[in-house]
Amino acid sequence: MTSIAARFSINTDDPFNALRAGILGTVVTPDHPDYEGARQVVSIAVDRHPAAIVRCAGTEDVAFTVRFARERGIEIAPRSGAHSGLGHSSIDDAIVIDMGGMRGINIDPVSRTA
């Protein structure tokens, strides 16, 4: 099996630097002080270790992260509240796309877009 670091085309010690540079949110990796708390889900029976948790600040972060993962062949797991009893919002060695902080929408009544 190919390691996560080997799947990246950037030359760096941290393969997630390109992801960090492309989003407004936060990328939490195993060396981040928030990692243990960020990887937890509601079910205590689930003990998964994703490669990264991306705390998205908006839809652009979600889209960038999906492209980033797809281009590198990395699985993703979408998360909003981490309430899946079976732990579907976390996958070992994947990127968790955490949208829990996205709690509203902006509506433009003139252009009728959200």
Protein backbone atom coordinates (compact mmCIF):
# COMPACT_ATOMS: atom_id res chain seq x y z
CA MET A 1 0.00 0.00 0.00
CA THR A 2 1.28 3.46 -0.90
CA SER A 3 1.66 5.87 1.99
CA ILE A 4 -0.23 9.16 2.00
CA ALA A 5 3.02 11.14 1.64
CA ALA A 6 4.01 9.14 -1.45
CA ARG A 7 0.79 10.10 -3.27
CA PHE A 8 1.57 13.82 -3.27
CA SER A 9 3.35 15.59 -6.10
CA ILE A 10 4.68 18.42 -3.94
CA ASN A 11 8.19 18.20 -2.55
CA THR A 12 7.85 18.89 1.17
CA ASP A 13 8.04 17.22 4.52
CA ASP A 14 4.34 17.98 5.06
CA PRO A 15 2.16 16.79 2.16
CA PHE A 16 -0.75 18.90 3.42
CA ASN A 17 0.99 22.27 2.97
CA ALA A 18 -0.65 22.69 -0.45
CA LEU A 19 -4.05 22.02 1.11
CA ARG A 20 -3.41 24.52 3.91
CA ALA A 21 -2.38 27.14 1.35
CA GLY A 22 -5.55 26.65 -0.69
CA ILE A 23 -8.23 27.06 1.98
CA LEU A 24 -9.40 29.54 4.60
CA GLY A 25 -10.22 26.85 7.15
CA THR A 26 -7.89 24.71 9.23
CA VAL A 27 -6.13 21.46 8.34
CA VAL A 28 -5.66 19.28 11.42
CA THR A 29 -3.09 16.49 11.03
CA PRO A 30 -1.80 13.99 13.61
CA ASP A 31 0.93 16.41 14.72
CA HIS A 32 -1.62 19.19 15.45
CA PRO A 33 -2.57 19.71 19.13
CA ASP A 34 -6.31 19.48 18.26
CA TYR A 35 -6.02 16.18 16.37
CA GLU A 36 -7.16 13.80 19.13
CA GLY A 37 -10.30 15.81 19.79
CA ALA A 38 -10.97 16.51 16.11
CA ARG A 39 -10.84 12.85 15.09
CA GLN A 40 -13.40 11.76 17.72
CA VAL A 41 -16.97 10.89 16.78
CA VAL A 42 -20.00 10.40 19.01
CA SER A 43 -19.66 6.61 19.16
CA ILE A 44 -16.90 5.58 21.58
CA ALA A 45 -16.70 2.25 19.74
CA VAL A 46 -15.23 4.02 16.70
CA ASP A 47 -11.48 4.70 16.84
CA ARG A 48 -10.37 5.92 13.43
CA HIS A 49 -7.26 7.87 12.50
CA PRO A 50 -7.74 10.03 9.40
CA ALA A 51 -4.69 11.49 7.66
CA ALA A 52 -6.23 14.95 8.06
CA ILE A 53 -9.36 16.69 9.24
CA VAL A 54 -10.24 19.81 7.26
CA ARG A 55 -12.37 22.29 9.20
CA CYS A 56 -13.99 24.10 6.29
CA ALA A 57 -14.75 27.81 6.49
CA GLY A 58 -17.05 27.75 3.45
CA THR A 59 -18.08 25.99 0.28
CA GLU A 60 -14.86 26.98 -1.48
CA ASP A 61 -12.90 25.03 1.14
CA VAL A 62 -15.09 21.98 0.56
CA ALA A 63 -14.63 22.15 -3.23
CA PHE A 64 -10.85 22.69 -2.97
CA THR A 65 -10.46 19.80 -0.52
CA VAL A 66 -12.47 17.42 -2.72
CA ARG A 67 -10.32 18.33 -5.74
CA PHE A 68 -7.14 18.01 -3.67
CA ALA A 69 -8.12 14.52 -2.49
CA ARG A 70 -9.38 13.36 -5.89
CA GLU A 71 -6.18 14.45 -7.66
CA ARG A 72 -4.13 12.43 -5.19
CA GLY A 73 -6.37 9.37 -4.89
CA ILE A 74 -7.17 9.95 -1.23
CA GLU A 75 -10.53 8.88 0.17
CA ILE A 76 -12.75 11.50 1.80
CA ALA A 77 -15.34 11.34 4.54
CA PRO A 78 -17.86 14.20 4.83
CA ARG A 79 -18.74 15.24 8.37
CA SER A 80 -21.21 17.71 9.79
CA GLY A 81 -21.92 16.69 13.37
CA ALA A 82 -19.95 13.44 13.74
CA HIS A 83 -23.12 11.75 14.96
CA SER A 84 -22.94 8.61 12.84
CA GLY A 85 -23.18 5.71 15.26
CA LEU A 86 -21.22 3.57 12.82
CA GLY A 87 -18.50 6.17 12.35
CA HIS A 88 -19.18 6.92 8.69
CA SER A 89 -17.82 10.44 9.15
CA SER A 90 -14.28 9.17 9.68
CA ILE A 91 -12.04 6.83 7.68
CA ASP A 92 -8.52 5.71 8.51
CA ASP A 93 -5.88 7.44 6.34
CA ALA A 94 -8.51 9.59 4.60
CA ILE A 95 -9.33 13.29 4.64
CA VAL A 96 -12.32 14.14 6.81
CA ILE A 97 -14.14 17.17 5.41
CA ASP A 98 -15.64 18.73 8.54
CA MET A 99 -18.48 21.12 7.71
CA GLY A 100 -19.69 21.41 11.31
CA GLY A 101 -18.67 25.06 11.50
CA MET A 102 -20.69 26.00 8.43
CA ARG A 103 -23.91 26.94 10.17
CA GLY A 104 -25.61 29.32 7.80
CA ILE A 105 -26.03 30.53 4.25
CA ASN A 106 -25.88 33.92 2.59
CA ILE A 107 -28.70 34.69 0.19
CA ASP A 108 -28.53 37.39 -2.47
CA PRO A 109 -32.17 38.32 -3.13
CA VAL A 110 -31.27 40.34 -6.23
CA SER A 111 -29.47 37.53 -8.06
CA ARG A 112 -31.57 34.89 -6.27
CA THR A 113 -28.51 32.84 -5.38
CA ALA A 114 -27.29 31.33 -2.15
